[in-house]
């Protein structure tokens, strides 16, 4: 399975997944750290991929959704965006609703 197929499977199999630099417990850039803080504040489980641990994913991800930077947040298979968009959605309350809906749909399936 090539990297693009793996990414497609990951975003399909996980209702909330963050492609980031580092891990939620040890983010390796400020943008990833702030995105993780917003996700953790919503108290909804999420998956993550440390792009530094998989060079194929690191190289393929910008092509997958035509989004050049990291982190990248996907909810229900759709790219939500990076740090700034995630923080804007968090501050407006939309992120919480989005994440709750994604997790509820997974449980119902």
PDB file of N, CA and C in Angstrom:
ATOM      1  N   UNK A   1       0.855  -1.182   0.000  1.00  0.00           N
ATOM      2  CA  UNK A   1       0.000   0.000   0.000  1.00  0.00           C
ATOM      3  C   UNK A   1       0.898   1.241   0.000  1.00  0.00           C
ATOM      4  N   UNK A   2       0.652   2.135  -0.942  1.00  0.00           N
ATOM      5  CA  UNK A   2       1.486   3.331  -0.978  1.00  0.00           C
ATOM      6  C   UNK A   2       1.008   4.361   0.051  1.00  0.00           C
ATOM      7  N   UNK A   3       1.775   5.415   0.195  1.00  0.00           N
ATOM      8  CA  UNK A   3       1.503   6.402   1.249  1.00  0.00           C
ATOM      9  C   UNK A   3       0.138   7.065   1.082  1.00  0.00           C
ATOM     10  N   UNK A   4      -0.239   7.405  -0.131  1.00  0.00           N
ATOM     11  CA  UNK A   4      -1.546   8.052  -0.339  1.00  0.00           C
ATOM     12  C   UNK A   4      -2.696   7.118   0.034  1.00  0.00           C
ATOM     13  N   UNK A   5      -2.550   5.829  -0.273  1.00  0.00           N
ATOM     14  CA  UNK A   5      -3.577   4.855   0.113  1.00  0.00           C
ATOM     15  C   UNK A   5      -3.640   4.716   1.635  1.00  0.00           C
ATOM     16  N   UNK A   6      -2.481   4.720   2.289  1.00  0.00           N
ATOM     17  CA  UNK A   6      -2.454   4.626   3.754  1.00  0.00           C
ATOM     18  C   UNK A   6      -3.122   5.837   4.394  1.00  0.00           C
ATOM     19  N   UNK A   7      -2.838   7.027   3.854  1.00  0.00           N
ATOM     20  CA  UNK A   7      -3.477   8.240   4.382  1.00  0.00           C
ATOM     21  C   UNK A   7      -4.984   8.140   4.214  1.00  0.00           C
ATOM     22  N   UNK A   8      -5.425   7.743   3.037  1.00  0.00           N
ATOM     23  CA  UNK A   8      -6.868   7.617   2.790  1.00  0.00           C
ATOM     24  C   UNK A   8      -7.500   6.649   3.782  1.00  0.00           C
ATOM     25  N   UNK A   9      -6.839   5.527   4.037  1.00  0.00           N
ATOM     26  CA  UNK A   9      -7.367   4.558   4.997  1.00  0.00           C
ATOM     27  C   UNK A   9      -7.389   5.145   6.414  1.00  0.00           C
ATOM     28  N   UNK A  10      -6.330   5.864   6.789  1.00  0.00           N
ATOM     29  CA  UNK A  10      -6.273   6.453   8.127  1.00  0.00           C
ATOM     30  C   UNK A  10      -7.393   7.472   8.340  1.00  0.00           C
ATOM     31  N   UNK A  11      -7.617   8.357   7.367  1.00  0.00           N
ATOM     32  CA  UNK A  11      -8.650   9.381   7.555  1.00  0.00           C
ATOM     33  C   UNK A  11     -10.048   8.775   7.470  1.00  0.00           C
ATOM     34  N   UNK A  12     -10.182   7.631   6.804  1.00  0.00           N
ATOM     35  CA  UNK A  12     -11.469   6.938   6.734  1.00  0.00           C
ATOM     36  C   UNK A  12     -11.739   6.166   8.029  1.00  0.00           C
ATOM     37  N   UNK A  13     -10.710   5.517   8.561  1.00  0.00           N
ATOM     38  CA  UNK A  13     -10.871   4.654   9.740  1.00  0.00           C
ATOM     39  C   UNK A  13     -10.956   5.420  11.060  1.00  0.00           C
ATOM     40  N   UNK A  14     -10.484   6.649  11.095  1.00  0.00           N
ATOM     41  CA  UNK A  14     -10.446   7.426  12.340  1.00  0.00           C
ATOM     42  C   UNK A  14     -11.342   8.647  12.213  1.00  0.00           C
ATOM     43  N   UNK A  15     -12.359   8.775  13.067  1.00  0.00           N
ATOM     44  CA  UNK A  15     -13.264   9.923  12.942  1.00  0.00           C
ATOM     45  C   UNK A  15     -12.562  11.259  13.150  1.00  0.00           C
ATOM     46  N   UNK A  16     -11.515  11.274  13.983  1.00  0.00           N
ATOM     47  CA  UNK A  16     -10.735  12.486  14.221  1.00  0.00           C
ATOM     48  C   UNK A  16      -9.269  12.078  14.205  1.00  0.00           C
ATOM     49  N   UNK A  17      -8.508  12.632  13.270  1.00  0.00           N
ATOM     50  CA  UNK A  17      -7.083  12.294  13.184  1.00  0.00           C
ATOM     51  C   UNK A  17      -6.288  13.556  12.885  1.00  0.00           C
ATOM     52  N   UNK A  18      -5.186  13.676  13.587  1.00  0.00           N
ATOM     53  CA  UNK A  18      -4.296  14.828  13.445  1.00  0.00           C
ATOM     54  C   UNK A  18      -2.941  14.359  12.947  1.00  0.00           C
ATOM     55  N   UNK A  19      -2.522  14.914  11.828  1.00  0.00           N
ATOM     56  CA  UNK A  19      -1.164  14.703  11.335  1.00  0.00           C
ATOM     57  C   UNK A  19      -0.337  15.852  11.880  1.00  0.00           C
ATOM     58  N   UNK A  20       0.663  15.509  12.671  1.00  0.00           N
ATOM     59  CA  UNK A  20       1.372  16.541  13.424  1.00  0.00           C
ATOM     60  C   UNK A  20       2.858  16.257  13.512  1.00  0.00           C
ATOM     61  N   UNK A  21       3.582  17.250  13.965  1.00  0.00           N
ATOM     62  CA  UNK A  21       5.004  17.109  14.242  1.00  0.00           C
ATOM     63  C   UNK A  21       5.139  16.710  15.706  1.00  0.00           C
ATOM     64  N   UNK A  22       5.529  15.461  15.935  1.00  0.00           N
ATOM     65  CA  UNK A  22       5.631  14.950  17.293  1.00  0.00           C
ATOM     66  C   UNK A  22       4.386  14.177  17.670  1.00  0.00           C
ATOM     67  N   UNK A  23       4.129  14.131  18.975  1.00  0.00           N
ATOM     68  CA  UNK A  23       2.967  13.417  19.512  1.00  0.00           C
ATOM     69  C   UNK A  23       2.192  14.367  20.431  1.00  0.00           C
ATOM     70  N   UNK A  24       0.958  14.010  20.774  1.00  0.00           N
ATOM     71  CA  UNK A  24       0.199  14.884  21.679  1.00  0.00           C
ATOM     72  C   UNK A  24       0.916  15.126  23.010  1.00  0.00           C
ATOM     73  N   UNK A  25       1.649  14.138  23.498  1.00  0.00           N
ATOM     74  CA  UNK A  25       2.374  14.305  24.756  1.00  0.00           C
ATOM     75  C   UNK A  25       3.703  15.030  24.583  1.00  0.00           C
ATOM     76  N   UNK A  26       4.214  15.046  23.348  1.00  0.00           N
ATOM     77  CA  UNK A  26       5.488  15.711  23.083  1.00  0.00           C
ATOM     78  C   UNK A  26       5.459  16.352  21.694  1.00  0.00           C
ATOM     79  N   UNK A  27       4.648  17.402  21.519  1.00  0.00           N
ATOM     80  CA  UNK A  27       4.612  18.070  20.218  1.00  0.00           C
ATOM     81  C   UNK A  27       5.965  18.699  19.910  1.00  0.00           C
ATOM     82  N   UNK A  28       6.340  18.676  18.632  1.00  0.00           N
ATOM     83  CA  UNK A  28       7.651  19.170  18.255  1.00  0.00           C
ATOM     84  C   UNK A  28       7.584  20.468  17.449  1.00  0.00           C
ATOM     85  N   UNK A  29       6.455  21.154  17.543  1.00  0.00           N
ATOM     86  CA  UNK A  29       6.372  22.520  17.012  1.00  0.00           C
ATOM     87  C   UNK A  29       5.205  23.220  17.706  1.00  0.00           C
ATOM     88  N   UNK A  30       5.262  24.519  17.746  1.00  0.00           N
ATOM     89  CA  UNK A  30       4.235  25.289  18.438  1.00  0.00           C
ATOM     90  C   UNK A  30       2.855  25.147  17.819  1.00  0.00           C
ATOM     91  N   UNK A  31       2.790  25.055  16.497  1.00  0.00           N
ATOM     92  CA  UNK A  31       1.491  24.918  15.836  1.00  0.00           C
ATOM     93  C   UNK A  31       0.835  23.593  16.210  1.00  0.00           C
ATOM     94  N   UNK A  32       1.623  22.522  16.213  1.00  0.00           N
ATOM     95  CA  UNK A  32       1.089  21.221  16.616  1.00  0.00           C
ATOM     96  C   UNK A  32       0.662  21.263  18.084  1.00  0.00           C
ATOM     97  N   UNK A  33       1.449  21.907  18.926  1.00  0.00           N
ATOM     98  CA  UNK A  33       1.125  21.996  20.352  1.00  0.00           C
ATOM     99  C   UNK A  33      -0.204  22.726  20.570  1.00  0.00           C
ATOM    100  N   UNK A  34      -0.407  23.842  19.878  1.00  0.00           N
ATOM    101  CA  UNK A  34      -1.650  24.597  20.056  1.00  0.00           C
ATOM    102  C   UNK A  34      -2.866  23.832  19.518  1.00  0.00           C
ATOM    103  N   UNK A  35      -2.666  23.107  18.433  1.00  0.00           N
ATOM    104  CA  UNK A  35      -3.755  22.310  17.884  1.00  0.00           C
ATOM    105  C   UNK A  35      -4.139  21.204  18.854  1.00  0.00           C
ATOM    106  N   UNK A  36      -3.157  20.531  19.426  1.00  0.00           N
ATOM    107  CA  UNK A  36      -3.415  19.477  20.408  1.00  0.00           C
ATOM    108  C   UNK A  36      -4.140  20.051  21.629  1.00  0.00           C
ATOM    109  N   UNK A  37      -3.742  21.240  22.083  1.00  0.00           N
ATOM    110  CA  UNK A  37      -4.416  21.858  23.235  1.00  0.00           C
ATOM    111  C   UNK A  37      -5.900  22.056  22.951  1.00  0.00           C
ATOM    112  N   UNK A  38      -6.224  22.526  21.754  1.00  0.00           N
ATOM    113  CA  UNK A  38      -7.632  22.736  21.399  1.00  0.00           C
ATOM    114  C   UNK A  38      -8.379  21.412  21.365  1.00  0.00           C
ATOM    115  N   UNK A  39      -7.764  20.387  20.785  1.00  0.00           N
ATOM    116  CA  UNK A  39      -8.419  19.078  20.727  1.00  0.00           C
ATOM    117  C   UNK A  39      -8.615  18.495  22.125  1.00  0.00           C
ATOM    118  N   UNK A  40      -7.590  18.582  22.950  1.00  0.00           N
ATOM    119  CA  UNK A  40      -7.707  18.051  24.317  1.00  0.00           C
ATOM    120  C   UNK A  40      -8.760  18.815  25.116  1.00  0.00           C
ATOM    121  N   UNK A  41      -8.871  20.103  24.893  1.00  0.00           N
ATOM    122  CA  UNK A  41      -9.877  20.908  25.603  1.00  0.00           C
ATOM    123  C   UNK A  41     -11.290  20.468  25.250  1.00  0.00           C
ATOM    124  N   UNK A  42     -11.465  19.896  24.083  1.00  0.00           N
ATOM    125  CA  UNK A  42     -12.788  19.410  23.663  1.00  0.00           C
ATOM    126  C   UNK A  42     -13.128  18.058  24.290  1.00  0.00           C
ATOM    127  N   UNK A  43     -12.144  17.409  24.897  1.00  0.00           N
ATOM    128  CA  UNK A  43     -12.328  16.149  25.606  1.00  0.00           C
ATOM    129  C   UNK A  43     -12.978  15.077  24.740  1.00  0.00           C
ATOM    130  N   UNK A  44     -12.539  14.994  23.502  1.00  0.00           N
ATOM    131  CA  UNK A  44     -13.003  13.979  22.564  1.00  0.00           C
ATOM    132  C   UNK A  44     -11.767  13.212  22.099  1.00  0.00           C
ATOM    133  N   UNK A  45     -11.835  11.879  22.085  1.00  0.00           N
ATOM    134  CA  UNK A  45     -10.656  11.123  21.666  1.00  0.00           C
ATOM    135  C   UNK A  45     -10.289  11.413  20.209  1.00  0.00           C
ATOM    136  N   UNK A  46      -8.990  11.440  19.949  1.00  0.00           N
ATOM    137  CA  UNK A  46      -8.519  11.630  18.580  1.00  0.00           C
ATOM    138  C   UNK A  46      -7.286  10.787  18.351  1.00  0.00           C
ATOM    139  N   UNK A  47      -7.077  10.438  17.102  1.00  0.00           N
ATOM    140  CA  UNK A  47      -5.884   9.705  16.701  1.00  0.00           C
ATOM    141  C   UNK A  47      -4.873  10.708  16.164  1.00  0.00           C
ATOM    142  N   UNK A  48      -3.638  10.264  16.065  1.00  0.00           N
ATOM    143  CA  UNK A  48      -2.616  11.152  15.520  1.00  0.00           C
ATOM    144  C   UNK A  48      -1.589  10.335  14.763  1.00  0.00           C
ATOM    145  N   UNK A  49      -0.899  11.001  13.866  1.00  0.00           N
ATOM    146  CA  UNK A  49       0.250  10.433  13.170  1.00  0.00           C
ATOM    147  C   UNK A  49       1.387  11.437  13.310  1.00  0.00           C
ATOM    148  N   UNK A  50       2.501  10.954  13.828  1.00  0.00           N
ATOM    149  CA  UNK A  50       3.706  11.773  13.927  1.00  0.00           C
ATOM    150  C   UNK A  50       4.386  11.723  12.557  1.00  0.00           C
ATOM    151  N   UNK A  51       4.319  12.818  11.824  1.00  0.00           N
ATOM    152  CA  UNK A  51       4.854  12.815  10.462  1.00  0.00           C
ATOM    153  C   UNK A  51       6.368  12.623  10.436  1.00  0.00           C
ATOM    154  N   UNK A  52       7.036  12.876  11.556  1.00  0.00           N
ATOM    155  CA  UNK A  52       8.483  12.668  11.606  1.00  0.00           C
ATOM    156  C   UNK A  52       8.850  11.187  11.670  1.00  0.00           C
ATOM    157  N   UNK A  53       7.877  10.345  12.029  1.00  0.00           N
ATOM    158  CA  UNK A  53       8.148   8.915  12.136  1.00  0.00           C
ATOM    159  C   UNK A  53       7.844   8.163  10.849  1.00  0.00           C
ATOM    160  N   UNK A  54       7.288   8.835   9.854  1.00  0.00           N
ATOM    161  CA  UNK A  54       6.944   8.173   8.598  1.00  0.00           C
ATOM    162  C   UNK A  54       7.201   9.142   7.446  1.00  0.00           C
ATOM    163  N   UNK A  55       8.376   9.025   6.860  1.00  0.00           N
ATOM    164  CA  UNK A  55       8.772   9.972   5.814  1.00  0.00           C
ATOM    165  C   UNK A  55       7.844   9.911   4.605  1.00  0.00           C
ATOM    166  N   UNK A  56       7.320   8.730   4.276  1.00  0.00           N
ATOM    167  CA  UNK A  56       6.401   8.619   3.143  1.00  0.00           C
ATOM    168  C   UNK A  56       5.133   9.442   3.385  1.00  0.00           C
ATOM    169  N   UNK A  57       4.597   9.354   4.595  1.00  0.00           N
ATOM    170  CA  UNK A  57       3.407  10.148   4.945  1.00  0.00           C
ATOM    171  C   UNK A  57       3.766  11.627   4.916  1.00  0.00           C
ATOM    172  N   UNK A  58       4.906  11.975   5.470  1.00  0.00           N
ATOM    173  CA  UNK A  58       5.371  13.365   5.514  1.00  0.00           C
ATOM    174  C   UNK A  58       5.406  13.968   4.104  1.00  0.00           C
ATOM    175  N   UNK A  59       5.893  13.196   3.143  1.00  0.00           N
ATOM    176  CA  UNK A  59       6.014  13.696   1.770  1.00  0.00           C
ATOM    177  C   UNK A  59       4.683  13.666   1.018  1.00  0.00           C
ATOM    178  N   UNK A  60       3.842  12.682   1.299  1.00  0.00           N
ATOM    179  CA  UNK A  60       2.607  12.506   0.534  1.00  0.00           C
ATOM    180  C   UNK A  60       1.445  13.351   1.046  1.00  0.00           C
ATOM    181  N   UNK A  61       1.423  13.652   2.329  1.00  0.00           N
ATOM    182  CA  UNK A  61       0.263  14.336   2.909  1.00  0.00           C
ATOM    183  C   UNK A  61      -0.059  15.679   2.248  1.00  0.00           C
ATOM    184  N   UNK A  62       0.925  16.535   1.950  1.00  0.00           N
ATOM    185  CA  UNK A  62       0.574  17.794   1.286  1.00  0.00           C
ATOM    186  C   UNK A  62      -0.121  17.589  -0.069  1.00  0.00           C
ATOM    187  N   UNK A  63       0.186  16.492  -0.749  1.00  0.00           N
ATOM    188  CA  UNK A  63      -0.457  16.187  -2.030  1.00  0.00           C
ATOM    189  C   UNK A  63      -1.865  15.639  -1.829  1.00  0.00           C
ATOM    190  N   UNK A  64      -2.079  14.940  -0.720  1.00  0.00           N
ATOM    191  CA  UNK A  64      -3.354  14.265  -0.479  1.00  0.00           C
ATOM    192  C   UNK A  64      -4.518  15.247  -0.482  1.00  0.00           C
ATOM    193  N   UNK A  65      -4.377  16.353   0.225  1.00  0.00           N
ATOM    194  CA  UNK A  65      -5.475  17.322   0.325  1.00  0.00           C
ATOM    195  C   UNK A  65      -5.095  18.696  -0.227  1.00  0.00           C
ATOM    196  N   UNK A  66      -3.964  18.740  -0.911  1.00  0.00           N
ATOM    197  CA  UNK A  66      -3.500  20.012  -1.461  1.00  0.00           C
ATOM    198  C   UNK A  66      -3.371  21.076  -0.362  1.00  0.00           C
ATOM    199  N   UNK A  67      -2.771  20.665   0.760  1.00  0.00           N
ATOM    200  CA  UNK A  67      -2.552  21.541   1.907  1.00  0.00           C
ATOM    201  C   UNK A  67      -1.084  21.409   2.291  1.00  0.00           C
ATOM    202  N   UNK A  68      -0.282  22.449   2.142  1.00  0.00           N
ATOM    203  CA  UNK A  68       1.169  22.292   2.224  1.00  0.00           C
ATOM    204  C   UNK A  68       1.783  22.237   3.620  1.00  0.00           C
ATOM    205  N   UNK A  69       1.045  22.611   4.649  1.00  0.00           N
ATOM    206  CA  UNK A  69       1.668  22.759   5.970  1.00  0.00           C
ATOM    207  C   UNK A  69       1.119  21.752   6.977  1.00  0.00           C
ATOM    208  N   UNK A  70       1.801  21.685   8.112  1.00  0.00           N
ATOM    209  CA  UNK A  70       1.408  20.811   9.222  1.00  0.00           C
ATOM    210  C   UNK A  70       1.238  21.665  10.456  1.00  0.00           C
ATOM    211  N   UNK A  71       0.362  21.282  11.344  1.00  0.00           N
ATOM    212  CA  UNK A  71      -0.443  20.071  11.375  1.00  0.00           C
ATOM    213  C   UNK A  71      -1.626  20.132  10.405  1.00  0.00           C
ATOM    214  N   UNK A  72      -2.237  18.958  10.215  1.00  0.00           N
ATOM    215  CA  UNK A  72      -3.453  18.856   9.419  1.00  0.00           C
ATOM    216  C   UNK A  72      -4.463  18.041  10.217  1.00  0.00           C
ATOM    217  N   UNK A  73      -5.639  18.619  10.419  1.00  0.00           N
ATOM    218  CA  UNK A  73      -6.704  17.954  11.163  1.00  0.00           C
ATOM    219  C   UNK A  73      -7.776  17.471  10.197  1.00  0.00           C
ATOM    220  N   UNK A  74      -8.139  16.199  10.338  1.00  0.00           N
ATOM    221  CA  UNK A  74      -9.211  15.611   9.541  1.00  0.00           C
ATOM    222  C   UNK A  74     -10.312  15.145  10.483  1.00  0.00           C
ATOM    223  N   UNK A  75     -11.545  15.457  10.128  1.00  0.00           N
ATOM    224  CA  UNK A  75     -12.708  15.011  10.888  1.00  0.00           C
ATOM    225  C   UNK A  75     -13.666  14.366   9.893  1.00  0.00           C
ATOM    226  N   UNK A  76     -14.050  13.138  10.186  1.00  0.00           N
ATOM    227  CA  UNK A  76     -14.938  12.364   9.312  1.00  0.00           C
ATOM    228  C   UNK A  76     -14.404  12.326   7.876  1.00  0.00           C
ATOM    229  N   UNK A  77     -13.095  12.159   7.743  1.00  0.00           N
ATOM    230  CA  UNK A  77     -12.485  12.018   6.435  1.00  0.00           C
ATOM    231  C   UNK A  77     -12.223  13.306   5.682  1.00  0.00           C
ATOM    232  N   UNK A  78     -12.615  14.429   6.251  1.00  0.00           N
ATOM    233  CA  UNK A  78     -12.448  15.714   5.577  1.00  0.00           C
ATOM    234  C   UNK A  78     -11.369  16.552   6.242  1.00  0.00           C
ATOM    235  N   UNK A  79     -10.552  17.194   5.418  1.00  0.00           N
ATOM    236  CA  UNK A  79      -9.561  18.116   5.956  1.00  0.00           C
ATOM    237  C   UNK A  79     -10.269  19.324   6.546  1.00  0.00           C
ATOM    238  N   UNK A  80      -9.997  19.589   7.807  1.00  0.00           N
ATOM    239  CA  UNK A  80     -10.529  20.775   8.467  1.00  0.00           C
ATOM    240  C   UNK A  80      -9.558  21.930   8.266  1.00  0.00           C
ATOM    241  N   UNK A  81      -8.264  21.652   8.416  1.00  0.00           N
ATOM    242  CA  UNK A  81      -7.250  22.682   8.211  1.00  0.00           C
ATOM    243  C   UNK A  81      -6.100  22.502   9.180  1.00  0.00           C
ATOM    244  N   UNK A  82      -5.361  23.576   9.337  1.00  0.00           N
ATOM    245  CA  UNK A  82      -4.204  23.570  10.212  1.00  0.00           C
ATOM    246  C   UNK A  82      -4.505  24.235  11.540  1.00  0.00           C
ATOM    247  N   UNK A  83      -3.478  24.736  12.170  1.00  0.00           N
ATOM    248  CA  UNK A  83      -3.570  25.309  13.502  1.00  0.00           C
ATOM    249  C   UNK A  83      -4.539  26.491  13.567  1.00  0.00           C
ATOM    250  N   UNK A  84      -4.370  27.475  12.709  1.00  0.00           N
ATOM    251  CA  UNK A  84      -5.195  28.689  12.784  1.00  0.00           C
ATOM    252  C   UNK A  84      -6.674  28.382  12.622  1.00  0.00           C
ATOM    253  N   UNK A  85      -7.012  27.553  11.649  1.00  0.00           N
ATOM    254  CA  UNK A  85      -8.419  27.208  11.417  1.00  0.00           C
ATOM    255  C   UNK A  85      -8.964  26.426  12.605  1.00  0.00           C
ATOM    256  N   UNK A  86      -8.173  25.474  13.105  1.00  0.00           N
ATOM    257  CA  UNK A  86      -8.615  24.683  14.260  1.00  0.00           C
ATOM    258  C   UNK A  86      -8.867  25.575  15.467  1.00  0.00           C
ATOM    259  N   UNK A  87      -7.969  26.526  15.722  1.00  0.00           N
ATOM    260  CA  UNK A  87      -8.151  27.427  16.868  1.00  0.00           C
ATOM    261  C   UNK A  87      -9.369  28.331  16.677  1.00  0.00           C
ATOM    262  N   UNK A  88      -9.585  28.821  15.466  1.00  0.00           N
ATOM    263  CA  UNK A  88     -10.776  29.633  15.196  1.00  0.00           C
ATOM    264  C   UNK A  88     -12.049  28.825  15.447  1.00  0.00           C
ATOM    265  N   UNK A  89     -12.063  27.583  14.984  1.00  0.00           N
ATOM    266  CA  UNK A  89     -13.235  26.723  15.195  1.00  0.00           C
ATOM    267  C   UNK A  89     -13.432  26.420  16.675  1.00  0.00           C
ATOM    268  N   UNK A  90     -12.329  26.222  17.389  1.00  0.00           N
ATOM    269  CA  UNK A  90     -12.422  25.973  18.828  1.00  0.00           C
ATOM    270  C   UNK A  90     -13.022  27.178  19.543  1.00  0.00           C
ATOM    271  N   UNK A  91     -12.520  28.362  19.233  1.00  0.00           N
ATOM    272  CA  UNK A  91     -12.990  29.568  19.916  1.00  0.00           C
ATOM    273  C   UNK A  91     -14.458  29.862  19.627  1.00  0.00           C
ATOM    274  N   UNK A  92     -14.922  29.484  18.452  1.00  0.00           N
ATOM    275  CA  UNK A  92     -16.329  29.730  18.104  1.00  0.00           C
ATOM    276  C   UNK A  92     -17.253  28.637  18.636  1.00  0.00           C
ATOM    277  N   UNK A  93     -16.690  27.520  19.114  1.00  0.00           N
ATOM    278  CA  UNK A  93     -17.491  26.402  19.592  1.00  0.00           C
ATOM    279  C   UNK A  93     -17.802  25.384  18.508  1.00  0.00           C
ATOM    280  N   UNK A  94     -17.473  25.703  17.272  1.00  0.00           N
ATOM    281  CA  UNK A  94     -17.768  24.785  16.164  1.00  0.00           C
ATOM    282  C   UNK A  94     -16.946  23.502  16.238  1.00  0.00           C
ATOM    283  N   UNK A  95     -15.706  23.597  16.691  1.00  0.00           N
ATOM    284  CA  UNK A  95     -14.855  22.412  16.769  1.00  0.00           C
ATOM    285  C   UNK A  95     -15.466  21.377  17.706  1.00  0.00           C
ATOM    286  N   UNK A  96     -15.934  21.819  18.865  1.00  0.00           N
ATOM    287  CA  UNK A  96     -16.550  20.902  19.825  1.00  0.00           C
ATOM    288  C   UNK A  96     -17.722  20.166  19.188  1.00  0.00           C
ATOM    289  N   UNK A  97     -18.586  20.893  18.505  1.00  0.00           N
ATOM    290  CA  UNK A  97     -19.743  20.276  17.854  1.00  0.00           C
ATOM    291  C   UNK A  97     -19.307  19.275  16.789  1.00  0.00           C
ATOM    292  N   UNK A  98     -18.328  19.665  15.981  1.00  0.00           N
ATOM    293  CA  UNK A  98     -17.813  18.808  14.914  1.00  0.00           C
ATOM    294  C   UNK A  98     -17.271  17.493  15.481  1.00  0.00           C
ATOM    295  N   UNK A  99     -16.469  17.607  16.536  1.00  0.00           N
ATOM    296  CA  UNK A  99     -15.841  16.427  17.128  1.00  0.00           C
ATOM    297  C   UNK A  99     -16.874  15.537  17.808  1.00  0.00           C
ATOM    298  N   UNK A 100     -17.803  16.143  18.528  1.00  0.00           N
ATOM    299  CA  UNK A 100     -18.856  15.356  19.175  1.00  0.00           C
ATOM    300  C   UNK A 100     -19.654  14.559  18.144  1.00  0.00           C
ATOM    301  N   UNK A 101     -19.993  15.206  17.042  1.00  0.00           N
ATOM    302  CA  UNK A 101     -20.761  14.560  15.982  1.00  0.00           C
ATOM    303  C   UNK A 101     -19.979  13.388  15.374  1.00  0.00           C
ATOM    304  N   UNK A 102     -18.694  13.611  15.126  1.00  0.00           N
ATOM    305  CA  UNK A 102     -17.853  12.570  14.517  1.00  0.00           C
ATOM    306  C   UNK A 102     -17.765  11.332  15.421  1.00  0.00           C
ATOM    307  N   UNK A 103     -17.576  11.561  16.712  1.00  0.00           N
ATOM    308  CA  UNK A 103     -17.452  10.448  17.651  1.00  0.00           C
ATOM    309  C   UNK A 103     -18.792   9.734  17.817  1.00  0.00           C
ATOM    310  N   UNK A 104     -19.881  10.501  17.872  1.00  0.00           N
ATOM    311  CA  UNK A 104     -21.227   9.893  17.984  1.00  0.00           C
ATOM    312  C   UNK A 104     -21.543   9.026  16.770  1.00  0.00           C
ATOM    313  N   UNK A 105     -21.185   9.482  15.598  1.00  0.00           N
ATOM    314  CA  UNK A 105     -21.424   8.696  14.391  1.00  0.00           C
ATOM    315  C   UNK A 105     -20.611   7.420  14.396  1.00  0.00           C
ATOM    316  N   UNK A 106     -19.401   7.479  14.897  1.00  0.00           N
ATOM    317  CA  UNK A 106     -18.573   6.277  14.968  1.00  0.00           C
ATOM    318  C   UNK A 106     -19.192   5.261  15.916  1.00  0.00           C
ATOM    319  N   UNK A 107     -19.689   5.733  17.058  1.00  0.00           N
ATOM    320  CA  UNK A 107     -20.301   4.819  18.041  1.00  0.00           C
ATOM    321  C   UNK A 107     -21.574   4.201  17.492  1.00  0.00           C
ATOM    322  N   UNK A 108     -22.323   4.948  16.696  1.00  0.00           N
ATOM    323  CA  UNK A 108     -23.576   4.448  16.137  1.00  0.00           C
ATOM    324  C   UNK A 108     -23.352   3.433  15.016  1.00  0.00           C
ATOM    325  N   UNK A 109     -22.189   3.496  14.408  1.00  0.00           N
ATOM    326  CA  UNK A 109     -21.916   2.602  13.257  1.00  0.00           C
ATOM    327  C   UNK A 109     -21.650   1.171  13.679  1.00  0.00           C
TER     328      UNK A 109
END
